[in-house]
Amino acid sequence: MKIFIDADGCPVVDAAVRIAKKRSIECTIICDTSHSIQRDGASTIIVDKGADSADFRLVNLISAGDIAITQDYGLAAMCLSKQATVINQDGKHYTEENISGLLEFRAVSAKIRRNGGRTKGLSKRTQQQNRDFENAFLELLDTHK
């Protein structure tokens, strides 16, 4: 089992790397050149800046049984298709049962924005969200085979 972090815009990189290091689990951070995130206890792969370049690198590296951390529904769907486990920055698991609805929501939101409408952005991150991620991630590692 390996852990891959879609690090561009990910607020839980430090927590995920700290937990992976403590558990002696190989952890890889993937980001583009505009972010260049380096952390002790993880390897970093920096890809060219471009639409989805970090996502495609992650998908090419991940295997069945690995874990991906991402907030990107499209990337989550691709990782699920490779039998990986996927969790987001709030500790929510992406599954075959919920990914279709999430992708549909993303498509509807994109259509609204293309037509000049606005969609609500993310709220300011709270410490409770950080704790929720850490608890869910630890539970996932405890039960992941």
Protein backbone atom coordinates (compact mmCIF):
# COMPACT_ATOMS: atom_id res chain seq x y z
CA MET A 1 0.00 0.00 0.00
CA LYS A 2 1.19 3.48 -0.94
CA ILE A 3 -0.34 6.88 -0.33
CA PHE A 4 -0.57 9.46 -3.10
CA ILE A 5 -1.53 13.07 -2.37
CA ASP A 6 -2.96 15.37 -5.04
CA ALA A 7 -1.24 18.26 -3.34
CA ASP A 8 -2.25 21.24 -5.49
CA GLY A 9 -4.59 23.10 -3.17
CA CYS A 10 -4.72 20.25 -0.62
CA PRO A 11 -5.01 21.58 2.96
CA VAL A 12 -4.08 18.28 4.66
CA VAL A 13 -0.67 17.52 3.14
CA ASP A 14 1.15 17.97 6.45
CA ALA A 15 -1.26 15.79 8.42
CA ALA A 16 -1.27 13.03 5.79
CA VAL A 17 2.53 12.96 5.52
CA ARG A 18 2.95 13.01 9.30
CA ILE A 19 0.57 10.06 9.72
CA ALA A 20 2.11 8.12 6.82
CA LYS A 21 5.61 8.65 8.22
CA LYS A 22 4.52 7.53 11.70
CA ARG A 23 3.00 4.37 10.16
CA SER A 24 6.03 3.81 7.86
CA ILE A 25 3.85 3.93 4.75
CA GLU A 26 5.36 5.18 1.50
CA CYS A 27 3.86 8.57 0.66
CA THR A 28 4.17 10.56 -2.56
CA ILE A 29 3.17 14.18 -3.02
CA ILE A 30 2.24 15.17 -6.57
CA CYS A 31 2.03 18.83 -7.51
CA ASP A 32 2.73 21.15 -10.40
CA THR A 33 5.52 23.69 -10.73
CA SER A 34 3.40 26.50 -9.31
CA HIS A 35 3.16 24.72 -5.94
CA SER A 36 6.39 22.67 -5.49
CA ILE A 37 5.53 21.08 -2.14
CA GLN A 38 8.33 19.26 -0.31
CA ARG A 39 7.88 17.49 3.04
CA ASP A 40 10.17 15.34 5.14
CA GLY A 41 8.85 11.78 5.09
CA ALA A 42 7.43 11.92 1.57
CA SER A 43 8.77 11.93 -1.94
CA THR A 44 7.60 14.70 -4.25
CA ILE A 45 6.88 14.53 -7.94
CA ILE A 46 6.63 17.92 -9.63
CA VAL A 47 4.91 18.00 -13.00
CA ASP A 48 4.61 20.75 -15.57
CA LYS A 49 1.90 23.26 -14.89
CA GLY A 50 -1.11 22.42 -17.01
CA ALA A 51 -4.67 21.26 -16.89
CA ASP A 52 -4.79 18.00 -14.94
CA SER A 53 -1.08 17.17 -15.37
CA ALA A 54 -0.72 16.26 -11.68
CA ASP A 55 -3.93 14.22 -11.84
CA PHE A 56 -2.77 12.17 -14.81
CA ARG A 57 0.62 11.48 -13.19
CA LEU A 58 -1.10 10.27 -10.03
CA VAL A 59 -3.43 7.99 -11.99
CA ASN A 60 -0.48 6.51 -13.85
CA LEU A 61 1.28 5.71 -10.56
CA ILE A 62 -1.56 4.44 -8.40
CA SER A 63 -2.40 0.75 -8.17
CA ALA A 64 -5.06 -1.43 -6.62
CA GLY A 65 -4.80 -1.24 -2.84
CA ASP A 66 -3.18 2.20 -2.78
CA ILE A 67 -4.77 5.29 -1.23
CA ALA A 68 -5.30 8.65 -2.94
CA ILE A 69 -6.06 11.90 -1.16
CA THR A 70 -7.82 14.39 -3.42
CA GLN A 71 -10.74 16.78 -3.59
CA ASP A 72 -11.06 16.31 -7.36
CA TYR A 73 -14.07 14.17 -8.30
CA GLY A 74 -12.68 13.35 -11.74
CA LEU A 75 -9.37 12.16 -10.30
CA ALA A 76 -11.24 10.21 -7.63
CA ALA A 77 -13.25 8.41 -10.33
CA MET A 78 -10.09 7.48 -12.23
CA CYS A 79 -8.44 6.16 -9.06
CA LEU A 80 -11.53 4.14 -8.16
CA SER A 81 -11.42 2.55 -11.61
CA LYS A 82 -7.96 1.25 -10.69
CA GLN A 83 -9.31 -0.27 -7.44
CA ALA A 84 -7.62 2.31 -5.25
CA THR A 85 -9.19 3.79 -2.12
CA VAL A 86 -9.90 7.52 -2.27
CA ILE A 87 -10.50 10.01 0.53
CA ASN A 88 -10.92 13.77 0.43
CA GLN A 89 -9.54 16.54 2.64
CA ASP A 90 -12.54 16.32 4.98
CA GLY A 91 -12.28 12.55 5.47
CA LYS A 92 -15.09 11.66 3.08
CA HIS A 93 -14.57 8.45 1.13
CA TYR A 94 -15.26 8.43 -2.58
CA THR A 95 -16.89 5.15 -3.58
CA GLU A 96 -18.44 3.50 -6.61
CA GLU A 97 -21.80 4.28 -4.96
CA ASN A 98 -21.32 8.04 -4.62
CA ILE A 99 -18.93 9.08 -7.40
CA SER A 100 -21.53 9.28 -10.19
CA GLY A 101 -23.66 11.74 -8.23
CA LEU A 102 -20.62 13.83 -7.37
CA LEU A 103 -19.52 13.95 -11.01
CA GLU A 104 -23.04 14.97 -12.06
CA PHE A 105 -23.03 17.75 -9.47
CA ARG A 106 -19.67 18.94 -10.83
CA ALA A 107 -21.01 18.96 -14.39
CA VAL A 108 -24.12 20.94 -13.42
CA SER A 109 -22.01 23.48 -11.50
CA ALA A 110 -19.66 23.89 -14.48
CA LYS A 111 -22.64 24.48 -16.78
CA ILE A 112 -23.99 27.16 -14.46
CA ARG A 113 -20.60 28.92 -14.42
CA ARG A 114 -20.24 28.68 -18.22
CA ASN A 115 -23.60 30.38 -18.57
CA GLY A 116 -22.51 33.28 -16.38
CA GLY A 117 -23.98 32.01 -13.12
CA ARG A 118 -22.20 31.68 -9.83
CA THR A 119 -21.84 28.72 -7.54
CA LYS A 120 -20.96 28.83 -3.87
CA GLY A 121 -17.27 28.35 -3.14
CA LEU A 122 -15.71 26.54 -0.23
CA SER A 123 -16.07 27.96 3.25
CA LYS A 124 -13.00 28.86 5.29
CA ARG A 125 -11.38 25.66 6.56
CA THR A 126 -11.88 24.87 10.24
CA GLN A 127 -9.82 22.96 12.78
CA GLN A 128 -12.74 20.55 13.08
CA GLN A 129 -12.37 19.66 9.39
CA ASN A 130 -8.68 18.95 10.00
CA ARG A 131 -9.55 16.68 12.94
CA ASP A 132 -12.24 14.95 10.89
CA PHE A 133 -9.72 14.22 8.14
CA GLU A 134 -7.12 12.89 10.56
CA ASN A 135 -9.64 10.64 12.33
CA ALA A 136 -11.03 9.29 9.06
CA PHE A 137 -7.55 8.78 7.61
CA LEU A 138 -6.34 6.91 10.70
CA GLU A 139 -9.46 4.74 10.65
CA LEU A 140 -8.91 4.03 6.95
CA LEU A 141 -5.31 2.98 7.57
CA ASP A 142 -6.40 0.76 10.48
CA THR A 143 -8.95 -1.08 8.33
CA HIS A 144 -7.25 -0.96 4.91
CA LYS A 145 -5.90 -4.25 3.68
